[in-house]
Amino acid sequence: MQSTGWTEQHSAALREFLESGMSYSRIADAINAKFNTAYSRSAAIGRAKRMGLAGPDPKDRPGSPMSAKAPRLYQPRERHQLEFMRPMPTFERAETAKLRCVEIVPRHLSLMDLERGDCRYPYGGDEEGEAITFCGHPQRLGTSYCVTHFHLTRGQGIAPERAAGAVSLRLVEAA
C-alpha cells in the first residue's frame, strides 16, 4: 500500500482510465501492472477524489445495471386501531385557586433588605408591575425557607420528617 507515492505519470494514467469508463478496481490493477506498484481500489478512489475526478459511485453511473432500477419509495403501512382500545379522555382546564397561608405573617422584605438566614419565600409579582417581596423570617436549617414555608412547598415533608409527624397548615381563603 502506498499512501503518497502517486507520481504525475500515475495520476495521468488514473485520469485516462477513468475517462475510458473503467472501474476503480480495474484501474488499480492496470496501474499496478503498468508501473509495478501496489495501489488498492480505495487508493485509486482517494486519489481521484483529491484530484477532483471522482464523481458519484460507479454503481450510479448511467448505463450500469444498478441505475436501471426505479428507486423504492417508502410507503407506510396503514395502521388499524384496535377495537378494545379506548380513546383518551379530554380534560377541561380548571383555574387554580391561590391559597393564602395564615400561620405566619410575612415581613415583606425587598431583595436588597434580605439578610443571610432570612426566608426567601416570595410574595406578590402576580400583577404586572407589582413588587415582589419576601417572607424574611428566620430560615430552617439547610433550606432557603422558614419552617412554615418549607412544609408548604414540600407537601408532607421529606422522608425523615414524615416519620416524625405531619405539620398541618390552616388555609383560610382562596384568593
N, C-alpha and C. Protein backbone atom coordinates (compact mmCIF):
# COMPACT_ATOMS: atom_id res chain seq x y z
N MET A 1 0.85 -1.18 0.00
CA MET A 1 0.00 0.00 0.00
C MET A 1 0.89 1.23 0.00
N GLN A 2 0.65 2.13 -0.92
CA GLN A 2 1.40 3.37 -0.99
C GLN A 2 0.47 4.52 -0.69
N SER A 3 0.85 5.35 0.27
CA SER A 3 -0.06 6.42 0.67
C SER A 3 0.13 7.68 -0.16
N THR A 4 1.36 8.12 -0.33
CA THR A 4 1.59 9.38 -1.06
C THR A 4 2.53 9.17 -2.22
N GLY A 5 2.61 7.96 -2.76
CA GLY A 5 3.55 7.67 -3.83
C GLY A 5 2.99 7.93 -5.21
N TRP A 6 1.95 8.70 -5.36
CA TRP A 6 1.36 8.96 -6.66
C TRP A 6 2.23 9.97 -7.41
N THR A 7 2.81 9.55 -8.49
CA THR A 7 3.61 10.46 -9.33
C THR A 7 2.69 11.05 -10.40
N GLU A 8 3.24 11.94 -11.17
CA GLU A 8 2.44 12.56 -12.24
C GLU A 8 2.01 11.52 -13.29
N GLN A 9 2.90 10.55 -13.57
CA GLN A 9 2.54 9.51 -14.55
C GLN A 9 1.40 8.64 -14.04
N HIS A 10 1.45 8.32 -12.74
CA HIS A 10 0.38 7.50 -12.15
C HIS A 10 -0.94 8.26 -12.20
N SER A 11 -0.91 9.55 -11.85
CA SER A 11 -2.13 10.36 -11.85
C SER A 11 -2.68 10.51 -13.26
N ALA A 12 -1.80 10.68 -14.24
CA ALA A 12 -2.24 10.80 -15.63
C ALA A 12 -2.90 9.50 -16.10
N ALA A 13 -2.31 8.37 -15.70
CA ALA A 13 -2.89 7.08 -16.07
C ALA A 13 -4.27 6.90 -15.41
N LEU A 14 -4.37 7.32 -14.17
CA LEU A 14 -5.66 7.25 -13.46
C LEU A 14 -6.71 8.07 -14.21
N ARG A 15 -6.32 9.27 -14.65
CA ARG A 15 -7.24 10.15 -15.38
C ARG A 15 -7.68 9.47 -16.69
N GLU A 16 -6.74 8.88 -17.42
CA GLU A 16 -7.06 8.21 -18.69
C GLU A 16 -8.02 7.05 -18.48
N PHE A 17 -7.70 6.22 -17.48
CA PHE A 17 -8.54 5.05 -17.24
C PHE A 17 -9.95 5.45 -16.79
N LEU A 18 -10.06 6.50 -16.01
CA LEU A 18 -11.38 6.96 -15.58
C LEU A 18 -12.18 7.46 -16.77
N GLU A 19 -11.53 8.18 -17.68
CA GLU A 19 -12.23 8.70 -18.86
C GLU A 19 -12.70 7.57 -19.76
N SER A 20 -11.97 6.45 -19.75
CA SER A 20 -12.39 5.32 -20.58
C SER A 20 -13.53 4.53 -19.94
N GLY A 21 -13.87 4.85 -18.67
CA GLY A 21 -15.01 4.21 -18.03
C GLY A 21 -14.69 2.98 -17.22
N MET A 22 -13.44 2.75 -16.91
CA MET A 22 -13.05 1.57 -16.13
C MET A 22 -13.46 1.74 -14.67
N SER A 23 -13.65 0.61 -13.99
CA SER A 23 -13.96 0.66 -12.56
C SER A 23 -12.68 0.93 -11.77
N TYR A 24 -12.83 1.39 -10.55
CA TYR A 24 -11.66 1.71 -9.73
C TYR A 24 -10.81 0.47 -9.44
N SER A 25 -11.44 -0.67 -9.30
CA SER A 25 -10.71 -1.90 -9.06
C SER A 25 -9.82 -2.25 -10.26
N ARG A 26 -10.38 -2.14 -11.47
CA ARG A 26 -9.60 -2.43 -12.69
C ARG A 26 -8.53 -1.37 -12.92
N ILE A 27 -8.85 -0.11 -12.56
CA ILE A 27 -7.87 0.96 -12.70
C ILE A 27 -6.65 0.67 -11.81
N ALA A 28 -6.92 0.29 -10.56
CA ALA A 28 -5.82 -0.02 -9.64
C ALA A 28 -4.98 -1.18 -10.18
N ASP A 29 -5.63 -2.21 -10.71
CA ASP A 29 -4.90 -3.35 -11.28
C ASP A 29 -4.06 -2.92 -12.49
N ALA A 30 -4.63 -2.07 -13.36
CA ALA A 30 -3.91 -1.64 -14.57
C ALA A 30 -2.70 -0.78 -14.21
N ILE A 31 -2.87 0.13 -13.25
CA ILE A 31 -1.74 0.98 -12.84
C ILE A 31 -0.66 0.14 -12.17
N ASN A 32 -1.06 -0.81 -11.33
CA ASN A 32 -0.09 -1.69 -10.68
C ASN A 32 0.70 -2.51 -11.71
N ALA A 33 0.03 -3.00 -12.77
CA ALA A 33 0.70 -3.79 -13.79
C ALA A 33 1.64 -2.92 -14.63
N LYS A 34 1.21 -1.71 -14.94
CA LYS A 34 1.98 -0.82 -15.80
C LYS A 34 3.21 -0.24 -15.10
N PHE A 35 3.06 0.17 -13.82
CA PHE A 35 4.14 0.87 -13.10
C PHE A 35 4.78 0.03 -12.00
N ASN A 36 4.35 -1.23 -11.84
CA ASN A 36 4.87 -2.11 -10.80
C ASN A 36 4.69 -1.49 -9.41
N THR A 37 3.43 -1.10 -9.13
CA THR A 37 3.07 -0.50 -7.84
C THR A 37 2.12 -1.43 -7.12
N ALA A 38 1.62 -1.00 -5.97
CA ALA A 38 0.70 -1.83 -5.19
C ALA A 38 -0.49 -0.99 -4.70
N TYR A 39 -1.11 -0.23 -5.60
CA TYR A 39 -2.26 0.58 -5.22
C TYR A 39 -3.49 -0.30 -5.06
N SER A 40 -4.33 0.05 -4.11
CA SER A 40 -5.60 -0.67 -3.92
C SER A 40 -6.72 0.11 -4.60
N ARG A 41 -7.87 -0.49 -4.66
CA ARG A 41 -9.05 0.18 -5.21
C ARG A 41 -9.35 1.45 -4.43
N SER A 42 -9.25 1.35 -3.09
CA SER A 42 -9.52 2.51 -2.23
C SER A 42 -8.51 3.63 -2.47
N ALA A 43 -7.25 3.26 -2.74
CA ALA A 43 -6.22 4.27 -3.02
C ALA A 43 -6.54 5.00 -4.32
N ALA A 44 -7.02 4.26 -5.32
CA ALA A 44 -7.38 4.88 -6.60
C ALA A 44 -8.58 5.82 -6.42
N ILE A 45 -9.56 5.41 -5.63
CA ILE A 45 -10.72 6.26 -5.36
C ILE A 45 -10.29 7.52 -4.63
N GLY A 46 -9.45 7.36 -3.59
CA GLY A 46 -8.99 8.51 -2.81
C GLY A 46 -8.21 9.49 -3.66
N ARG A 47 -7.32 8.97 -4.53
CA ARG A 47 -6.53 9.86 -5.39
C ARG A 47 -7.44 10.59 -6.38
N ALA A 48 -8.42 9.88 -6.91
CA ALA A 48 -9.35 10.51 -7.86
C ALA A 48 -10.17 11.61 -7.17
N LYS A 49 -10.53 11.38 -5.93
CA LYS A 49 -11.27 12.41 -5.19
C LYS A 49 -10.39 13.62 -4.93
N ARG A 50 -9.14 13.39 -4.56
CA ARG A 50 -8.22 14.51 -4.30
C ARG A 50 -7.92 15.29 -5.58
N MET A 51 -7.95 14.61 -6.70
CA MET A 51 -7.71 15.28 -7.99
C MET A 51 -8.99 15.95 -8.51
N GLY A 52 -10.11 15.69 -7.85
CA GLY A 52 -11.38 16.28 -8.28
C GLY A 52 -12.03 15.51 -9.42
N LEU A 53 -11.59 14.28 -9.64
CA LEU A 53 -12.12 13.48 -10.73
C LEU A 53 -13.24 12.56 -10.30
N ALA A 54 -13.24 12.16 -9.06
CA ALA A 54 -14.21 11.18 -8.58
C ALA A 54 -15.57 11.83 -8.49
N GLY A 55 -16.50 11.26 -9.19
CA GLY A 55 -17.87 11.74 -9.14
C GLY A 55 -18.69 10.81 -8.28
N PRO A 56 -19.89 10.53 -8.70
CA PRO A 56 -20.73 9.60 -7.96
C PRO A 56 -20.14 8.18 -8.02
N ASP A 57 -20.66 7.35 -7.17
CA ASP A 57 -20.22 5.96 -7.09
C ASP A 57 -20.39 5.30 -8.46
N PRO A 58 -19.44 4.42 -8.87
CA PRO A 58 -19.55 3.78 -10.19
C PRO A 58 -20.86 3.03 -10.38
N LYS A 59 -21.49 2.58 -9.32
CA LYS A 59 -22.76 1.87 -9.44
C LYS A 59 -23.86 2.80 -9.93
N ASP A 60 -23.70 4.10 -9.70
CA ASP A 60 -24.72 5.07 -10.07
C ASP A 60 -24.48 5.68 -11.44
N ARG A 61 -23.44 5.23 -12.15
CA ARG A 61 -23.16 5.79 -13.48
C ARG A 61 -24.27 5.41 -14.44
N PRO A 62 -24.58 6.30 -15.39
CA PRO A 62 -25.62 5.97 -16.38
C PRO A 62 -25.19 4.76 -17.20
N GLY A 63 -26.12 3.88 -17.49
CA GLY A 63 -25.83 2.71 -18.30
C GLY A 63 -25.45 1.50 -17.49
N SER A 64 -25.17 1.67 -16.20
CA SER A 64 -24.85 0.50 -15.39
C SER A 64 -26.15 -0.18 -14.99
N PRO A 65 -26.12 -1.48 -14.78
CA PRO A 65 -27.37 -2.19 -14.46
C PRO A 65 -27.99 -1.74 -13.14
N MET A 66 -27.20 -1.22 -12.23
CA MET A 66 -27.75 -0.80 -10.93
C MET A 66 -28.64 0.44 -11.06
N SER A 67 -28.34 1.32 -12.03
CA SER A 67 -29.11 2.55 -12.14
C SER A 67 -30.41 2.34 -12.91
N ALA A 68 -30.60 1.16 -13.52
CA ALA A 68 -31.81 0.92 -14.29
C ALA A 68 -33.03 0.71 -13.41
N LYS A 69 -32.81 0.31 -12.17
CA LYS A 69 -33.94 0.05 -11.28
C LYS A 69 -34.54 1.36 -10.81
N ALA A 70 -35.85 1.35 -10.67
CA ALA A 70 -36.54 2.53 -10.14
C ALA A 70 -36.33 2.58 -8.63
N PRO A 71 -36.18 3.75 -8.07
CA PRO A 71 -35.97 3.84 -6.63
C PRO A 71 -37.23 3.39 -5.87
N ARG A 72 -37.00 2.68 -4.78
CA ARG A 72 -38.12 2.24 -3.96
C ARG A 72 -38.51 3.37 -3.03
N LEU A 73 -39.75 3.70 -3.06
CA LEU A 73 -40.25 4.74 -2.17
C LEU A 73 -40.87 4.08 -0.95
N TYR A 74 -40.65 4.69 0.18
CA TYR A 74 -41.20 4.16 1.42
C TYR A 74 -42.69 4.45 1.47
N GLN A 75 -43.45 3.41 1.67
CA GLN A 75 -44.89 3.58 1.81
C GLN A 75 -45.28 3.03 3.17
N PRO A 76 -45.69 3.91 4.08
CA PRO A 76 -46.05 3.42 5.42
C PRO A 76 -47.29 2.54 5.35
N ARG A 77 -47.29 1.56 6.22
CA ARG A 77 -48.45 0.68 6.29
C ARG A 77 -49.62 1.41 6.94
N GLU A 78 -50.79 0.99 6.55
CA GLU A 78 -51.98 1.57 7.16
C GLU A 78 -52.13 0.97 8.55
N ARG A 79 -52.32 1.82 9.51
CA ARG A 79 -52.46 1.32 10.88
C ARG A 79 -53.94 1.15 11.21
N HIS A 80 -54.21 0.03 11.81
CA HIS A 80 -55.59 -0.25 12.22
C HIS A 80 -55.69 -0.04 13.72
N GLN A 81 -56.69 0.73 14.12
CA GLN A 81 -56.89 0.94 15.55
C GLN A 81 -57.61 -0.27 16.11
N LEU A 82 -57.07 -0.79 17.17
CA LEU A 82 -57.67 -1.97 17.78
C LEU A 82 -59.00 -1.59 18.42
N GLU A 83 -59.94 -2.51 18.35
CA GLU A 83 -61.28 -2.22 18.85
C GLU A 83 -61.33 -2.06 20.36
N PHE A 84 -60.48 -2.77 21.07
CA PHE A 84 -60.54 -2.73 22.51
C PHE A 84 -59.85 -1.50 23.10
N MET A 85 -59.18 -0.71 22.29
CA MET A 85 -58.52 0.48 22.80
C MET A 85 -59.53 1.61 22.97
N ARG A 86 -59.50 2.23 24.11
CA ARG A 86 -60.41 3.32 24.38
C ARG A 86 -59.75 4.64 24.00
N PRO A 87 -60.53 5.61 23.57
CA PRO A 87 -59.93 6.92 23.28
C PRO A 87 -59.52 7.60 24.59
N MET A 88 -58.50 8.44 24.49
CA MET A 88 -58.02 9.16 25.66
C MET A 88 -59.06 10.18 26.10
N PRO A 89 -59.31 10.28 27.40
CA PRO A 89 -60.27 11.27 27.86
C PRO A 89 -59.70 12.68 27.71
N THR A 90 -60.58 13.62 27.51
CA THR A 90 -60.15 15.01 27.43
C THR A 90 -60.54 15.70 28.73
N PHE A 91 -59.64 16.51 29.22
CA PHE A 91 -59.86 17.20 30.47
C PHE A 91 -59.98 18.68 30.20
N GLU A 92 -60.90 19.31 30.90
CA GLU A 92 -61.04 20.75 30.78
C GLU A 92 -60.07 21.41 31.74
N ARG A 93 -59.51 22.50 31.31
CA ARG A 93 -58.55 23.21 32.14
C ARG A 93 -59.30 23.99 33.21
N ALA A 94 -58.96 23.71 34.44
CA ALA A 94 -59.61 24.39 35.57
C ALA A 94 -58.68 25.48 36.09
N GLU A 95 -59.26 26.54 36.55
CA GLU A 95 -58.47 27.63 37.10
C GLU A 95 -58.03 27.25 38.51
N THR A 96 -56.75 27.40 38.78
CA THR A 96 -56.25 27.02 40.10
C THR A 96 -56.52 28.15 41.09
N ALA A 97 -56.87 27.76 42.30
CA ALA A 97 -57.15 28.73 43.35
C ALA A 97 -55.85 29.09 44.05
N LYS A 98 -55.65 30.36 44.30
CA LYS A 98 -54.48 30.81 45.03
C LYS A 98 -54.81 30.76 46.52
N LEU A 99 -53.97 30.06 47.26
CA LEU A 99 -54.22 29.88 48.69
C LEU A 99 -53.30 30.79 49.49
N ARG A 100 -53.81 31.23 50.61
CA ARG A 100 -53.04 32.12 51.46
C ARG A 100 -52.79 31.39 52.78
N CYS A 101 -51.56 31.35 53.21
CA CYS A 101 -51.18 30.69 54.45
C CYS A 101 -51.29 31.70 55.59
N VAL A 102 -51.99 31.35 56.69
CA VAL A 102 -52.17 32.29 57.79
C VAL A 102 -51.33 31.95 59.01
N GLU A 103 -50.51 30.90 58.91
CA GLU A 103 -49.69 30.51 60.05
C GLU A 103 -48.61 31.55 60.34
N ILE A 104 -48.26 32.34 59.35
CA ILE A 104 -47.15 33.27 59.51
C ILE A 104 -47.48 34.58 58.82
N VAL A 105 -47.11 35.67 59.43
CA VAL A 105 -47.28 36.99 58.81
C VAL A 105 -45.93 37.39 58.23
N PRO A 106 -45.87 37.52 56.89
CA PRO A 106 -44.57 37.82 56.28
C PRO A 106 -44.10 39.23 56.62
N ARG A 107 -42.81 39.42 56.59
CA ARG A 107 -42.22 40.73 56.86
C ARG A 107 -42.17 41.59 55.60
N HIS A 108 -42.41 41.02 54.43
CA HIS A 108 -42.42 41.71 53.14
C HIS A 108 -41.14 42.52 52.93
N LEU A 109 -40.01 41.83 52.94
CA LEU A 109 -38.73 42.47 52.71
C LEU A 109 -38.40 42.46 51.23
N SER A 110 -37.76 43.50 50.75
CA SER A 110 -37.31 43.51 49.36
C SER A 110 -36.06 42.63 49.26
N LEU A 111 -35.66 42.35 48.06
CA LEU A 111 -34.49 41.50 47.85
C LEU A 111 -33.24 42.15 48.45
N MET A 112 -33.15 43.47 48.37
CA MET A 112 -31.98 44.18 48.89
C MET A 112 -31.96 44.17 50.42
N ASP A 113 -33.14 44.06 51.05
CA ASP A 113 -33.21 44.10 52.51
C ASP A 113 -33.01 42.72 53.15
N LEU A 114 -33.07 41.65 52.36
CA LEU A 114 -32.89 40.31 52.92
C LEU A 114 -31.48 40.15 53.43
N GLU A 115 -31.36 39.50 54.56
CA GLU A 115 -30.05 39.22 55.12
C GLU A 115 -29.82 37.71 55.11
N ARG A 116 -28.60 37.32 55.39
CA ARG A 116 -28.26 35.91 55.46
C ARG A 116 -29.13 35.26 56.53
N GLY A 117 -29.78 34.15 56.17
CA GLY A 117 -30.60 33.44 57.14
C GLY A 117 -32.06 33.85 57.12
N ASP A 118 -32.47 34.78 56.22
CA ASP A 118 -33.87 35.17 56.11
C ASP A 118 -34.58 34.27 55.11
N CYS A 119 -35.87 34.00 55.35
CA CYS A 119 -36.69 33.16 54.48
C CYS A 119 -36.84 33.85 53.12
N ARG A 120 -36.65 33.09 52.06
CA ARG A 120 -36.74 33.62 50.70
C ARG A 120 -38.05 33.29 50.01
N TYR A 121 -39.11 33.00 50.74
CA TYR A 121 -40.40 32.68 50.14
C TYR A 121 -40.98 33.96 49.54
N PRO A 122 -41.29 33.96 48.21
CA PRO A 122 -41.74 35.19 47.56
C PRO A 122 -43.23 35.47 47.75
N TYR A 123 -43.55 36.75 47.77
CA TYR A 123 -44.94 37.23 47.80
C TYR A 123 -45.09 38.27 46.70
N GLY A 124 -46.25 38.30 46.06
CA GLY A 124 -46.55 39.31 45.05
C GLY A 124 -45.94 38.97 43.71
N GLY A 125 -45.93 39.97 42.81
CA GLY A 125 -45.42 39.79 41.47
C GLY A 125 -46.41 39.14 40.53
N ASP A 126 -47.64 38.91 41.00
CA ASP A 126 -48.64 38.27 40.15
C ASP A 126 -49.18 39.25 39.10
N GLU A 127 -49.39 40.48 39.49
CA GLU A 127 -49.88 41.50 38.57
C GLU A 127 -48.68 42.17 37.92
N GLU A 128 -48.88 42.72 36.75
CA GLU A 128 -47.78 43.39 36.07
C GLU A 128 -47.43 44.66 36.83
N GLY A 129 -46.16 44.80 37.13
CA GLY A 129 -45.68 45.97 37.86
C GLY A 129 -45.75 45.82 39.37
N GLU A 130 -46.33 44.72 39.87
CA GLU A 130 -46.42 44.51 41.31
C GLU A 130 -45.05 44.08 41.84
N ALA A 131 -44.65 44.68 42.94
CA ALA A 131 -43.34 44.37 43.52
C ALA A 131 -43.35 42.98 44.16
N ILE A 132 -42.20 42.33 44.10
CA ILE A 132 -42.04 41.03 44.75
C ILE A 132 -41.33 41.26 46.08
N THR A 133 -41.93 40.73 47.14
CA THR A 133 -41.32 40.82 48.47
C THR A 133 -41.10 39.42 48.99
N PHE A 134 -40.38 39.32 50.10
CA PHE A 134 -40.04 38.01 50.64
C PHE A 134 -40.44 37.93 52.10
N CYS A 135 -40.65 36.69 52.59
CA CYS A 135 -41.12 36.45 53.95
C CYS A 135 -40.19 37.09 54.97
N GLY A 136 -38.94 36.76 54.99
CA GLY A 136 -37.97 37.40 55.87
C GLY A 136 -37.83 36.81 57.26
N HIS A 137 -38.63 35.82 57.64
CA HIS A 137 -38.49 35.18 58.95
C HIS A 137 -37.26 34.27 58.93
N PRO A 138 -36.76 33.84 60.07
CA PRO A 138 -35.54 33.01 60.11
C PRO A 138 -35.71 31.69 59.34
N GLN A 139 -34.67 31.35 58.59
CA GLN A 139 -34.70 30.13 57.79
C GLN A 139 -34.60 28.89 58.67
N ARG A 140 -35.17 27.82 58.14
CA ARG A 140 -34.99 26.50 58.74
C ARG A 140 -33.60 26.02 58.34
N LEU A 141 -32.92 25.31 59.17
CA LEU A 141 -31.56 24.84 58.92
C LEU A 141 -31.52 23.99 57.65
N GLY A 142 -30.66 24.36 56.72
CA GLY A 142 -30.47 23.59 55.49
C GLY A 142 -31.41 23.93 54.36
N THR A 143 -32.26 24.95 54.51
CA THR A 143 -33.17 25.33 53.42
C THR A 143 -33.15 26.84 53.25
N SER A 144 -33.86 27.31 52.24
CA SER A 144 -33.97 28.75 52.00
C SER A 144 -35.24 29.32 52.60
N TYR A 145 -36.08 28.47 53.23
CA TYR A 145 -37.37 28.90 53.73
C TYR A 145 -37.46 28.73 55.25
N CYS A 146 -38.41 29.45 55.82
CA CYS A 146 -38.71 29.24 57.25
C CYS A 146 -39.45 27.90 57.36
N VAL A 147 -39.71 27.44 58.56
CA VAL A 147 -40.33 26.13 58.77
C VAL A 147 -41.69 26.04 58.09
N THR A 148 -42.52 27.07 58.23
CA THR A 148 -43.86 27.04 57.65
C THR A 148 -43.81 26.97 56.13
N HIS A 149 -42.99 27.82 55.52
CA HIS A 149 -42.92 27.82 54.07
C HIS A 149 -42.21 26.58 53.54
N PHE A 150 -41.29 26.01 54.31
CA PHE A 150 -40.66 24.76 53.91
C PHE A 150 -41.71 23.67 53.76
N HIS A 151 -42.58 23.53 54.74
CA HIS A 151 -43.61 22.50 54.69
C HIS A 151 -44.68 22.82 53.65
N LEU A 152 -44.90 24.09 53.41
CA LEU A 152 -45.87 24.49 52.39
C LEU A 152 -45.35 24.09 51.00
N THR A 153 -44.06 24.25 50.74
CA THR A 153 -43.50 23.93 49.43
C THR A 153 -43.21 22.45 49.26
N ARG A 154 -42.99 21.71 50.31
CA ARG A 154 -42.62 20.31 50.20
C ARG A 154 -43.79 19.36 50.38
N GLY A 155 -44.95 19.83 50.67
CA GLY A 155 -46.08 18.93 50.88
C GLY A 155 -45.95 18.28 52.24
N GLN A 156 -45.84 16.98 52.26
CA GLN A 156 -45.78 16.26 53.52
C GLN A 156 -44.36 16.20 54.09
N GLY A 157 -43.40 16.84 53.48
CA GLY A 157 -42.04 16.85 54.01
C GLY A 157 -41.18 15.75 53.41
N ILE A 158 -39.92 15.77 53.73
CA ILE A 158 -39.01 14.74 53.25
C ILE A 158 -39.14 13.50 54.12
N ALA A 159 -38.58 12.41 53.72
CA ALA A 159 -38.80 11.11 54.35
C ALA A 159 -38.60 11.10 55.87
N PRO A 160 -37.50 11.63 56.43
CA PRO A 160 -37.35 11.59 57.88
C PRO A 160 -38.41 12.41 58.61
N GLU A 161 -38.90 13.49 57.99
CA GLU A 161 -39.91 14.31 58.65
C GLU A 161 -41.27 13.65 58.62
N ARG A 162 -41.55 12.85 57.59
CA ARG A 162 -42.84 12.16 57.53
C ARG A 162 -42.98 11.21 58.71
N ALA A 163 -41.88 10.59 59.09
CA ALA A 163 -41.92 9.66 60.21
C ALA A 163 -42.17 10.41 61.53
N ALA A 164 -41.72 11.66 61.62
CA ALA A 164 -41.87 12.42 62.86
C ALA A 164 -43.28 12.97 63.01
N GLY A 165 -44.03 13.09 61.94
CA GLY A 165 -45.39 13.62 62.02
C GLY A 165 -45.56 14.76 61.04
N ALA A 166 -46.78 14.94 60.60
CA ALA A 166 -47.06 15.96 59.60
C ALA A 166 -47.37 17.29 60.28
N VAL A 167 -46.97 18.37 59.63
CA VAL A 167 -47.31 19.71 60.10
C VAL A 167 -48.55 20.14 59.36
N SER A 168 -49.56 20.56 60.08
CA SER A 168 -50.79 20.97 59.42
C SER A 168 -50.80 22.48 59.26
N LEU A 169 -51.15 22.92 58.09
CA LEU A 169 -51.29 24.34 57.80
C LEU A 169 -52.77 24.65 57.66
N ARG A 170 -53.15 25.73 58.20
CA ARG A 170 -54.54 26.12 58.13
C ARG A 170 -54.70 27.12 57.00
N LEU A 171 -55.48 26.77 56.01
CA LEU A 171 -55.71 27.63 54.86
C LEU A 171 -57.03 28.37 55.09
N VAL A 172 -56.99 29.70 54.98
CA VAL A 172 -58.15 30.49 55.33
C VAL A 172 -59.06 30.71 54.13
N GLU A 173 -58.51 31.22 53.04
CA GLU A 173 -59.37 31.53 51.91
C GLU A 173 -58.60 31.37 50.62
N ALA A 174 -59.35 31.22 49.57
CA ALA A 174 -58.76 31.19 48.23
C ALA A 174 -58.77 32.61 47.69
N ALA A 175 -57.62 33.09 47.28
CA ALA A 175 -57.56 34.47 46.78
C ALA A 175 -57.90 34.55 45.34
